[in-house]
Amino acid sequence: MNQQFHTAAPAPNFRDIGGLRGAGGRIVRSGLVYRSGALDALLDDDLALLAGLGITLCCDLRTAQERSRAPSRWPPGGMPRLLEL
């Protein structure tokens, strides 16, 4: 497993999952898929880092109540499409 933790991670446990083997044995390309937690706790400097990643889809695994209680923060004009699971 070759998960890359970002030294200036914008959120707790933020990492690029590039290098992991996906379905069919193919390797996930670095810089394509990230995982994280606590996007509600991002600071303004964190938002700038997040904006530079070009994230276009967020798969939120929290319940509707959790999302309402602690909504994720995104850079101005940079909110990706949200998929609530």
N, C-alpha and C. Protein backbone atom coordinates (compact mmCIF):
# COMPACT_ATOMS: atom_id res chain seq x y z
N MET A 1 0.84 -1.17 0.00
CA MET A 1 0.00 0.00 0.00
C MET A 1 0.89 1.24 0.00
N ASN A 2 0.59 2.19 -0.88
CA ASN A 2 1.45 3.35 -1.04
C ASN A 2 0.67 4.65 -0.87
N GLN A 3 -0.07 4.79 0.25
CA GLN A 3 -0.83 6.01 0.48
C GLN A 3 0.11 7.12 0.89
N GLN A 4 -0.11 8.28 0.31
CA GLN A 4 0.77 9.41 0.59
C GLN A 4 0.06 10.40 1.50
N PHE A 5 0.59 10.59 2.70
CA PHE A 5 0.07 11.59 3.61
C PHE A 5 0.68 12.93 3.23
N HIS A 6 -0.12 13.95 3.17
CA HIS A 6 0.38 15.29 2.84
C HIS A 6 0.95 15.94 4.09
N THR A 7 2.13 16.50 3.99
CA THR A 7 2.75 17.14 5.15
C THR A 7 2.01 18.40 5.53
N ALA A 8 1.43 19.09 4.56
CA ALA A 8 0.62 20.28 4.85
C ALA A 8 -0.84 19.91 4.60
N ALA A 9 -1.27 18.83 5.21
CA ALA A 9 -2.62 18.33 4.96
C ALA A 9 -3.67 19.33 5.39
N PRO A 10 -4.66 19.57 4.53
CA PRO A 10 -5.69 20.53 4.87
C PRO A 10 -6.72 20.02 5.88
N ALA A 11 -6.71 18.75 6.20
CA ALA A 11 -7.67 18.19 7.15
C ALA A 11 -7.07 16.95 7.80
N PRO A 12 -7.59 16.55 8.97
CA PRO A 12 -7.07 15.35 9.62
C PRO A 12 -7.16 14.12 8.71
N ASN A 13 -6.13 13.33 8.73
CA ASN A 13 -6.07 12.07 7.99
C ASN A 13 -6.22 12.27 6.48
N PHE A 14 -5.86 13.43 5.99
CA PHE A 14 -5.98 13.72 4.56
C PHE A 14 -4.85 13.03 3.82
N ARG A 15 -5.21 12.27 2.78
CA ARG A 15 -4.16 11.59 2.02
C ARG A 15 -4.61 11.27 0.60
N ASP A 16 -3.65 11.17 -0.25
CA ASP A 16 -3.82 10.77 -1.64
C ASP A 16 -3.80 9.24 -1.64
N ILE A 17 -4.83 8.62 -2.20
CA ILE A 17 -4.83 7.15 -2.21
C ILE A 17 -4.23 6.59 -3.50
N GLY A 18 -3.56 7.44 -4.25
CA GLY A 18 -2.85 6.97 -5.43
C GLY A 18 -1.84 5.91 -5.06
N GLY A 19 -1.72 4.92 -5.90
CA GLY A 19 -0.80 3.82 -5.65
C GLY A 19 -1.49 2.58 -5.13
N LEU A 20 -2.74 2.73 -4.66
CA LEU A 20 -3.47 1.56 -4.20
C LEU A 20 -4.00 0.78 -5.39
N ARG A 21 -4.12 -0.51 -5.23
CA ARG A 21 -4.64 -1.37 -6.28
C ARG A 21 -6.17 -1.34 -6.22
N GLY A 22 -6.80 -1.07 -7.35
CA GLY A 22 -8.25 -1.02 -7.44
C GLY A 22 -8.82 -2.26 -8.06
N ALA A 23 -10.08 -2.17 -8.44
CA ALA A 23 -10.77 -3.30 -9.07
C ALA A 23 -10.03 -3.72 -10.33
N GLY A 24 -9.94 -5.01 -10.54
CA GLY A 24 -9.27 -5.53 -11.73
C GLY A 24 -7.76 -5.46 -11.64
N GLY A 25 -7.23 -5.07 -10.47
CA GLY A 25 -5.78 -5.03 -10.29
C GLY A 25 -5.11 -3.76 -10.76
N ARG A 26 -5.87 -2.82 -11.31
CA ARG A 26 -5.26 -1.58 -11.79
C ARG A 26 -4.88 -0.69 -10.61
N ILE A 27 -3.88 0.13 -10.80
CA ILE A 27 -3.38 1.03 -9.76
C ILE A 27 -4.06 2.40 -9.89
N VAL A 28 -4.54 2.93 -8.76
CA VAL A 28 -5.14 4.27 -8.74
C VAL A 28 -4.05 5.30 -8.99
N ARG A 29 -4.30 6.19 -9.91
CA ARG A 29 -3.32 7.23 -10.25
C ARG A 29 -3.21 8.26 -9.12
N SER A 30 -2.01 8.66 -8.79
CA SER A 30 -1.76 9.67 -7.77
C SER A 30 -2.36 11.00 -8.19
N GLY A 31 -2.91 11.74 -7.21
CA GLY A 31 -3.49 13.04 -7.48
C GLY A 31 -4.91 12.99 -8.02
N LEU A 32 -5.52 11.81 -7.97
CA LEU A 32 -6.85 11.64 -8.53
C LEU A 32 -7.92 11.46 -7.45
N VAL A 33 -7.60 10.68 -6.40
CA VAL A 33 -8.57 10.38 -5.34
C VAL A 33 -7.92 10.66 -3.99
N TYR A 34 -8.64 11.42 -3.16
CA TYR A 34 -8.17 11.74 -1.81
C TYR A 34 -9.20 11.25 -0.81
N ARG A 35 -8.77 11.00 0.41
CA ARG A 35 -9.69 10.68 1.49
C ARG A 35 -9.33 11.56 2.68
N SER A 36 -10.34 11.84 3.47
CA SER A 36 -10.10 12.72 4.61
C SER A 36 -11.24 12.62 5.60
N GLY A 37 -11.09 13.38 6.66
CA GLY A 37 -12.14 13.53 7.66
C GLY A 37 -12.13 14.96 8.16
N ALA A 38 -13.18 15.36 8.80
CA ALA A 38 -13.29 16.66 9.45
C ALA A 38 -13.08 17.86 8.53
N LEU A 39 -13.74 17.86 7.39
CA LEU A 39 -13.62 19.01 6.49
C LEU A 39 -14.32 20.24 7.05
N ASP A 40 -15.04 20.08 8.15
CA ASP A 40 -15.67 21.22 8.81
C ASP A 40 -14.66 22.06 9.60
N ALA A 41 -13.52 21.49 9.90
CA ALA A 41 -12.53 22.16 10.74
C ALA A 41 -11.44 22.87 9.94
N LEU A 42 -11.61 23.00 8.64
CA LEU A 42 -10.58 23.62 7.80
C LEU A 42 -10.41 25.11 8.13
N LEU A 43 -9.17 25.54 8.13
CA LEU A 43 -8.85 26.96 8.31
C LEU A 43 -8.73 27.60 6.93
N ASP A 44 -8.66 28.91 6.87
CA ASP A 44 -8.56 29.60 5.58
C ASP A 44 -7.34 29.15 4.78
N ASP A 45 -6.19 28.95 5.45
CA ASP A 45 -5.00 28.47 4.75
C ASP A 45 -5.23 27.07 4.17
N ASP A 46 -5.98 26.25 4.90
CA ASP A 46 -6.30 24.91 4.43
C ASP A 46 -7.15 24.96 3.17
N LEU A 47 -8.06 25.93 3.11
CA LEU A 47 -8.93 26.07 1.95
C LEU A 47 -8.13 26.36 0.70
N ALA A 48 -7.07 27.15 0.85
CA ALA A 48 -6.21 27.46 -0.29
C ALA A 48 -5.51 26.19 -0.80
N LEU A 49 -5.05 25.35 0.12
CA LEU A 49 -4.43 24.08 -0.28
C LEU A 49 -5.45 23.18 -0.98
N LEU A 50 -6.64 23.13 -0.44
CA LEU A 50 -7.69 22.31 -1.01
C LEU A 50 -8.07 22.79 -2.41
N ALA A 51 -8.12 24.10 -2.60
CA ALA A 51 -8.47 24.66 -3.91
C ALA A 51 -7.48 24.23 -4.98
N GLY A 52 -6.23 24.09 -4.63
CA GLY A 52 -5.20 23.72 -5.59
C GLY A 52 -5.27 22.28 -6.06
N LEU A 53 -6.09 21.46 -5.42
CA LEU A 53 -6.18 20.04 -5.78
C LEU A 53 -7.19 19.77 -6.89
N GLY A 54 -8.05 20.71 -7.17
CA GLY A 54 -9.02 20.54 -8.26
C GLY A 54 -10.06 19.47 -8.01
N ILE A 55 -10.50 19.33 -6.78
CA ILE A 55 -11.48 18.30 -6.43
C ILE A 55 -12.83 18.66 -7.06
N THR A 56 -13.45 17.71 -7.77
CA THR A 56 -14.72 17.97 -8.45
C THR A 56 -15.88 17.17 -7.88
N LEU A 57 -15.61 16.16 -7.04
CA LEU A 57 -16.67 15.35 -6.45
C LEU A 57 -16.28 15.00 -5.02
N CYS A 58 -17.22 15.17 -4.10
CA CYS A 58 -17.02 14.79 -2.71
C CYS A 58 -18.05 13.73 -2.35
N CYS A 59 -17.59 12.57 -1.91
CA CYS A 59 -18.47 11.49 -1.45
C CYS A 59 -18.49 11.55 0.07
N ASP A 60 -19.57 12.06 0.62
CA ASP A 60 -19.68 12.28 2.07
C ASP A 60 -20.38 11.09 2.71
N LEU A 61 -19.67 10.38 3.57
CA LEU A 61 -20.18 9.16 4.19
C LEU A 61 -20.93 9.42 5.49
N ARG A 62 -21.06 10.69 5.88
CA ARG A 62 -21.74 11.02 7.13
C ARG A 62 -23.27 10.99 6.94
N THR A 63 -23.98 10.88 8.05
CA THR A 63 -25.44 10.96 7.99
C THR A 63 -25.85 12.41 7.73
N ALA A 64 -27.10 12.60 7.34
CA ALA A 64 -27.62 13.96 7.11
C ALA A 64 -27.50 14.80 8.38
N GLN A 65 -27.75 14.20 9.53
CA GLN A 65 -27.64 14.91 10.80
C GLN A 65 -26.19 15.35 11.06
N GLU A 66 -25.24 14.47 10.79
CA GLU A 66 -23.82 14.82 10.97
C GLU A 66 -23.41 15.94 10.02
N ARG A 67 -23.87 15.88 8.77
CA ARG A 67 -23.55 16.93 7.80
C ARG A 67 -24.15 18.26 8.22
N SER A 68 -25.35 18.23 8.76
CA SER A 68 -26.02 19.45 9.20
C SER A 68 -25.32 20.04 10.42
N ARG A 69 -24.90 19.20 11.33
CA ARG A 69 -24.25 19.63 12.57
C ARG A 69 -22.85 20.20 12.31
N ALA A 70 -22.15 19.66 11.32
CA ALA A 70 -20.77 20.09 11.04
C ALA A 70 -20.54 20.10 9.53
N PRO A 71 -21.09 21.12 8.82
CA PRO A 71 -20.94 21.14 7.36
C PRO A 71 -19.49 21.32 6.92
N SER A 72 -19.14 20.66 5.84
CA SER A 72 -17.78 20.78 5.29
C SER A 72 -17.56 22.20 4.78
N ARG A 73 -16.32 22.66 4.88
CA ARG A 73 -15.93 23.96 4.33
C ARG A 73 -15.21 23.73 3.01
N TRP A 74 -15.50 24.58 2.03
CA TRP A 74 -14.84 24.51 0.73
C TRP A 74 -14.37 25.90 0.35
N PRO A 75 -13.37 26.00 -0.50
CA PRO A 75 -12.89 27.32 -0.96
C PRO A 75 -14.03 28.05 -1.68
N PRO A 76 -14.06 29.38 -1.58
CA PRO A 76 -15.08 30.13 -2.31
C PRO A 76 -15.07 29.76 -3.79
N GLY A 77 -16.24 29.43 -4.32
CA GLY A 77 -16.35 29.06 -5.72
C GLY A 77 -15.77 27.69 -6.04
N GLY A 78 -15.33 26.95 -5.02
CA GLY A 78 -14.67 25.67 -5.27
C GLY A 78 -15.41 24.48 -4.72
N MET A 79 -16.70 24.64 -4.40
CA MET A 79 -17.43 23.50 -3.85
C MET A 79 -17.68 22.47 -4.95
N PRO A 80 -17.24 21.24 -4.71
CA PRO A 80 -17.44 20.20 -5.71
C PRO A 80 -18.88 19.68 -5.68
N ARG A 81 -19.21 18.87 -6.64
CA ARG A 81 -20.50 18.18 -6.62
C ARG A 81 -20.47 17.26 -5.40
N LEU A 82 -21.58 17.21 -4.67
CA LEU A 82 -21.64 16.43 -3.44
C LEU A 82 -22.47 15.17 -3.64
N LEU A 83 -21.91 14.05 -3.31
CA LEU A 83 -22.61 12.77 -3.34
C LEU A 83 -22.76 12.33 -1.90
N GLU A 84 -24.00 12.36 -1.41
CA GLU A 84 -24.27 11.99 -0.03
C GLU A 84 -24.60 10.51 0.02
N LEU A 85 -23.78 9.74 0.70
CA LEU A 85 -23.96 8.28 0.75
C LEU A 85 -24.56 7.83 2.06
